[in-house]
Amino acid sequence: MEKRRNNKGFEHLGGIIKKTMAEFKDIADNRLIKVWNIWEPVVGAVIAKNARPYAFKKKILLVYLTSSVWTQELQFMKKGIIEELNQKLGEDLVEEIKFKVGTL
């Protein structure tokens, strides 16, 4: 007995997941681009050379640092950085910043 396959109106799950992931990636990329555009004016040239926005996860901004020394320094400045970023962006895109030593 031969089974009939009726694929009309159905889409493969892999295709759906791929489209969904691309959509969310575009949203995160757009947010990151907005932050990149204002990063140096917000934090200053010295910090911008040692700390760079890397990624978004929901409303958490991941920032890579050149060394652990910057982690402690920026922890003290974090609240002000978040406030100024959101003010310049005109929306509350950043609720939290996580700092990690990594490659800039």
N, C-alpha and C. Protein backbone atom coordinates (compact mmCIF):
# COMPACT_ATOMS: atom_id res chain seq x y z
N MET A 1 0.82 -1.17 0.00
CA MET A 1 0.00 0.00 0.00
C MET A 1 0.88 1.25 0.00
N GLU A 2 0.60 2.16 -0.87
CA GLU A 2 1.42 3.36 -1.02
C GLU A 2 0.82 4.51 -0.23
N LYS A 3 1.68 5.20 0.57
CA LYS A 3 1.22 6.35 1.35
C LYS A 3 1.28 7.58 0.47
N ARG A 4 0.26 8.39 0.57
CA ARG A 4 0.25 9.65 -0.16
C ARG A 4 0.78 10.74 0.74
N ARG A 5 1.58 11.56 0.18
CA ARG A 5 2.10 12.69 0.94
C ARG A 5 1.41 13.95 0.45
N ASN A 6 0.76 14.61 1.36
CA ASN A 6 0.09 15.86 1.04
C ASN A 6 0.84 16.98 1.75
N ASN A 7 1.69 17.67 1.02
CA ASN A 7 2.51 18.73 1.62
C ASN A 7 1.94 20.11 1.39
N LYS A 8 0.78 20.19 0.80
CA LYS A 8 0.19 21.50 0.53
C LYS A 8 -0.12 22.22 1.84
N GLY A 9 0.36 23.46 1.93
CA GLY A 9 0.07 24.27 3.11
C GLY A 9 0.99 24.01 4.28
N PHE A 10 1.88 23.06 4.15
CA PHE A 10 2.80 22.75 5.24
C PHE A 10 4.20 23.24 4.88
N GLU A 11 4.91 23.65 5.92
CA GLU A 11 6.29 24.07 5.73
C GLU A 11 7.16 23.26 6.67
N HIS A 12 8.33 22.90 6.20
CA HIS A 12 9.26 22.11 7.00
C HIS A 12 9.66 22.90 8.25
N LEU A 13 9.71 22.23 9.39
CA LEU A 13 10.04 22.87 10.66
C LEU A 13 11.39 23.58 10.62
N GLY A 14 12.36 22.98 9.95
CA GLY A 14 13.68 23.60 9.84
C GLY A 14 13.63 24.96 9.17
N GLY A 15 12.77 25.08 8.15
CA GLY A 15 12.60 26.36 7.46
C GLY A 15 11.99 27.42 8.36
N ILE A 16 11.02 27.01 9.15
CA ILE A 16 10.36 27.94 10.08
C ILE A 16 11.36 28.44 11.12
N ILE A 17 12.15 27.53 11.67
CA ILE A 17 13.14 27.90 12.70
C ILE A 17 14.18 28.84 12.10
N LYS A 18 14.63 28.54 10.89
CA LYS A 18 15.64 29.37 10.24
C LYS A 18 15.12 30.79 10.03
N LYS A 19 13.89 30.93 9.56
CA LYS A 19 13.29 32.25 9.34
C LYS A 19 13.15 33.01 10.65
N THR A 20 12.69 32.32 11.68
CA THR A 20 12.49 32.95 12.99
C THR A 20 13.81 33.43 13.57
N MET A 21 14.84 32.60 13.50
CA MET A 21 16.15 32.98 14.03
C MET A 21 16.72 34.18 13.27
N ALA A 22 16.55 34.21 11.95
CA ALA A 22 17.04 35.33 11.15
C ALA A 22 16.32 36.62 11.54
N GLU A 23 15.03 36.51 11.82
CA GLU A 23 14.24 37.67 12.21
C GLU A 23 14.76 38.25 13.54
N PHE A 24 14.97 37.38 14.52
CA PHE A 24 15.47 37.84 15.82
C PHE A 24 16.89 38.35 15.71
N LYS A 25 17.71 37.74 14.88
CA LYS A 25 19.08 38.19 14.69
C LYS A 25 19.09 39.60 14.11
N ASP A 26 18.21 39.85 13.14
CA ASP A 26 18.12 41.19 12.55
C ASP A 26 17.74 42.23 13.60
N ILE A 27 16.80 41.89 14.48
CA ILE A 27 16.38 42.82 15.53
C ILE A 27 17.55 43.12 16.45
N ALA A 28 18.26 42.07 16.91
CA ALA A 28 19.41 42.25 17.79
C ALA A 28 20.50 43.03 17.09
N ASP A 29 20.75 42.73 15.81
CA ASP A 29 21.78 43.45 15.07
C ASP A 29 21.44 44.93 14.95
N ASN A 30 20.19 45.25 14.70
CA ASN A 30 19.78 46.65 14.58
C ASN A 30 19.97 47.39 15.90
N ARG A 31 19.63 46.73 17.00
CA ARG A 31 19.83 47.36 18.31
C ARG A 31 21.31 47.58 18.56
N LEU A 32 22.13 46.60 18.21
CA LEU A 32 23.57 46.71 18.44
C LEU A 32 24.16 47.83 17.58
N ILE A 33 23.71 47.96 16.36
CA ILE A 33 24.19 49.04 15.49
C ILE A 33 23.84 50.40 16.09
N LYS A 34 22.64 50.54 16.63
CA LYS A 34 22.24 51.80 17.25
C LYS A 34 23.16 52.13 18.43
N VAL A 35 23.47 51.13 19.25
CA VAL A 35 24.35 51.35 20.40
C VAL A 35 25.76 51.68 19.93
N TRP A 36 26.25 50.97 18.93
CA TRP A 36 27.59 51.23 18.40
C TRP A 36 27.72 52.68 17.95
N ASN A 37 26.67 53.20 17.32
CA ASN A 37 26.71 54.56 16.78
C ASN A 37 26.86 55.64 17.85
N ILE A 38 26.43 55.35 19.07
CA ILE A 38 26.50 56.36 20.13
C ILE A 38 27.45 55.97 21.27
N TRP A 39 28.07 54.82 21.16
CA TRP A 39 28.90 54.29 22.25
C TRP A 39 30.00 55.26 22.69
N GLU A 40 30.83 55.69 21.76
CA GLU A 40 31.96 56.56 22.14
C GLU A 40 31.50 57.89 22.73
N PRO A 41 30.50 58.58 22.15
CA PRO A 41 30.04 59.82 22.79
C PRO A 41 29.49 59.60 24.21
N VAL A 42 28.95 58.42 24.47
CA VAL A 42 28.40 58.14 25.80
C VAL A 42 29.50 57.83 26.81
N VAL A 43 30.45 56.97 26.44
CA VAL A 43 31.45 56.52 27.42
C VAL A 43 32.78 57.25 27.33
N GLY A 44 33.04 57.95 26.24
CA GLY A 44 34.30 58.64 26.05
C GLY A 44 35.29 57.80 25.27
N ALA A 45 36.29 58.46 24.71
CA ALA A 45 37.24 57.81 23.80
C ALA A 45 38.10 56.75 24.49
N VAL A 46 38.56 57.03 25.69
CA VAL A 46 39.44 56.08 26.40
C VAL A 46 38.70 54.78 26.70
N ILE A 47 37.50 54.90 27.23
CA ILE A 47 36.72 53.69 27.54
C ILE A 47 36.34 52.97 26.25
N ALA A 48 35.96 53.72 25.22
CA ALA A 48 35.55 53.11 23.95
C ALA A 48 36.68 52.28 23.33
N LYS A 49 37.92 52.66 23.59
CA LYS A 49 39.06 51.88 23.08
C LYS A 49 39.25 50.58 23.86
N ASN A 50 38.68 50.51 25.05
CA ASN A 50 38.88 49.35 25.93
C ASN A 50 37.60 48.56 26.22
N ALA A 51 36.49 49.06 25.74
CA ALA A 51 35.20 48.40 25.99
C ALA A 51 34.31 48.58 24.76
N ARG A 52 33.84 47.46 24.21
CA ARG A 52 33.02 47.54 23.00
C ARG A 52 31.75 46.70 23.13
N PRO A 53 30.63 47.27 22.73
CA PRO A 53 29.39 46.48 22.71
C PRO A 53 29.57 45.29 21.77
N TYR A 54 29.11 44.13 22.21
CA TYR A 54 29.33 42.92 21.42
C TYR A 54 28.02 42.26 20.97
N ALA A 55 27.03 42.22 21.88
CA ALA A 55 25.80 41.50 21.53
C ALA A 55 24.66 41.93 22.45
N PHE A 56 23.46 41.60 22.03
CA PHE A 56 22.26 41.81 22.84
C PHE A 56 21.62 40.46 23.13
N LYS A 57 21.11 40.31 24.32
CA LYS A 57 20.26 39.17 24.66
C LYS A 57 19.08 39.77 25.42
N LYS A 58 17.96 39.82 24.75
CA LYS A 58 16.79 40.55 25.24
C LYS A 58 17.19 42.00 25.45
N LYS A 59 17.14 42.51 26.66
CA LYS A 59 17.53 43.90 26.90
C LYS A 59 18.85 43.99 27.66
N ILE A 60 19.62 42.91 27.58
CA ILE A 60 20.94 42.87 28.22
C ILE A 60 21.99 43.11 27.15
N LEU A 61 22.82 44.11 27.37
CA LEU A 61 23.91 44.42 26.44
C LEU A 61 25.19 43.77 26.96
N LEU A 62 25.82 42.96 26.12
CA LEU A 62 27.10 42.35 26.47
C LEU A 62 28.21 43.23 25.91
N VAL A 63 29.12 43.62 26.79
CA VAL A 63 30.23 44.49 26.41
C VAL A 63 31.54 43.75 26.68
N TYR A 64 32.38 43.65 25.66
CA TYR A 64 33.69 43.03 25.82
C TYR A 64 34.70 44.09 26.24
N LEU A 65 35.59 43.69 27.14
CA LEU A 65 36.61 44.60 27.70
C LEU A 65 38.00 44.05 27.40
N THR A 66 38.98 44.95 27.36
CA THR A 66 40.35 44.53 27.09
C THR A 66 41.01 43.84 28.29
N SER A 67 40.54 44.16 29.51
CA SER A 67 41.12 43.54 30.69
C SER A 67 40.13 43.57 31.86
N SER A 68 40.41 42.76 32.86
CA SER A 68 39.53 42.69 34.03
C SER A 68 39.53 43.97 34.84
N VAL A 69 40.58 44.77 34.70
CA VAL A 69 40.65 46.06 35.41
C VAL A 69 39.46 46.93 35.00
N TRP A 70 39.09 46.89 33.73
CA TRP A 70 37.98 47.69 33.24
C TRP A 70 36.64 47.20 33.78
N THR A 71 36.55 45.95 34.12
CA THR A 71 35.29 45.41 34.66
C THR A 71 34.89 46.16 35.92
N GLN A 72 35.81 46.28 36.84
CA GLN A 72 35.51 46.95 38.10
C GLN A 72 35.19 48.43 37.87
N GLU A 73 35.96 49.08 37.04
CA GLU A 73 35.75 50.50 36.75
C GLU A 73 34.36 50.74 36.15
N LEU A 74 33.99 49.93 35.20
CA LEU A 74 32.72 50.13 34.51
C LEU A 74 31.51 49.69 35.34
N GLN A 75 31.73 48.80 36.30
CA GLN A 75 30.64 48.42 37.21
C GLN A 75 30.12 49.65 37.94
N PHE A 76 31.04 50.52 38.34
CA PHE A 76 30.66 51.75 39.06
C PHE A 76 29.92 52.73 38.14
N MET A 77 30.20 52.66 36.86
CA MET A 77 29.61 53.60 35.90
C MET A 77 28.38 53.04 35.18
N LYS A 78 28.08 51.77 35.41
CA LYS A 78 27.06 51.06 34.64
C LYS A 78 25.70 51.76 34.62
N LYS A 79 25.20 52.17 35.76
CA LYS A 79 23.87 52.79 35.83
C LYS A 79 23.82 54.05 34.97
N GLY A 80 24.84 54.87 35.06
CA GLY A 80 24.89 56.10 34.27
C GLY A 80 25.01 55.82 32.78
N ILE A 81 25.78 54.79 32.41
CA ILE A 81 25.92 54.42 31.01
C ILE A 81 24.57 53.97 30.44
N ILE A 82 23.86 53.13 31.20
CA ILE A 82 22.55 52.66 30.75
C ILE A 82 21.60 53.83 30.55
N GLU A 83 21.55 54.73 31.53
CA GLU A 83 20.65 55.89 31.44
C GLU A 83 20.98 56.75 30.23
N GLU A 84 22.26 57.03 30.01
CA GLU A 84 22.64 57.90 28.89
C GLU A 84 22.42 57.21 27.55
N LEU A 85 22.71 55.91 27.47
CA LEU A 85 22.44 55.18 26.22
C LEU A 85 20.96 55.28 25.86
N ASN A 86 20.10 54.94 26.83
CA ASN A 86 18.66 54.96 26.57
C ASN A 86 18.16 56.37 26.23
N GLN A 87 18.73 57.37 26.89
CA GLN A 87 18.33 58.75 26.62
C GLN A 87 18.70 59.12 25.18
N LYS A 88 19.91 58.82 24.76
CA LYS A 88 20.35 59.15 23.40
C LYS A 88 19.62 58.31 22.35
N LEU A 89 19.25 57.08 22.72
CA LEU A 89 18.52 56.22 21.79
C LEU A 89 17.05 56.62 21.68
N GLY A 90 16.56 57.30 22.70
CA GLY A 90 15.16 57.71 22.70
C GLY A 90 14.20 56.58 23.05
N GLU A 91 14.75 55.50 23.58
CA GLU A 91 13.93 54.36 24.00
C GLU A 91 14.74 53.51 24.98
N ASP A 92 14.04 52.71 25.76
CA ASP A 92 14.71 51.87 26.75
C ASP A 92 15.14 50.53 26.14
N LEU A 93 16.22 50.55 25.39
CA LEU A 93 16.74 49.33 24.76
C LEU A 93 17.60 48.52 25.73
N VAL A 94 18.26 49.21 26.66
CA VAL A 94 19.22 48.56 27.55
C VAL A 94 18.70 48.62 28.98
N GLU A 95 18.49 47.44 29.58
CA GLU A 95 18.11 47.38 30.99
C GLU A 95 19.28 46.97 31.87
N GLU A 96 20.23 46.25 31.27
CA GLU A 96 21.36 45.72 32.03
C GLU A 96 22.56 45.65 31.10
N ILE A 97 23.75 45.77 31.67
CA ILE A 97 24.99 45.58 30.92
C ILE A 97 25.80 44.51 31.65
N LYS A 98 26.28 43.55 30.88
CA LYS A 98 27.18 42.52 31.41
C LYS A 98 28.54 42.74 30.77
N PHE A 99 29.58 42.73 31.59
CA PHE A 99 30.92 42.97 31.11
C PHE A 99 31.69 41.65 31.09
N LYS A 100 32.49 41.46 30.03
CA LYS A 100 33.26 40.23 29.89
C LYS A 100 34.57 40.56 29.19
N VAL A 101 35.66 40.02 29.69
CA VAL A 101 36.95 40.22 29.04
C VAL A 101 36.94 39.37 27.77
N GLY A 102 37.27 40.01 26.66
CA GLY A 102 37.26 39.31 25.38
C GLY A 102 38.00 40.08 24.31
N THR A 103 37.97 39.57 23.11
CA THR A 103 38.65 40.20 21.99
C THR A 103 37.77 41.31 21.43
N LEU A 104 38.36 42.48 21.27
CA LEU A 104 37.61 43.61 20.70
C LEU A 104 37.69 43.59 19.19
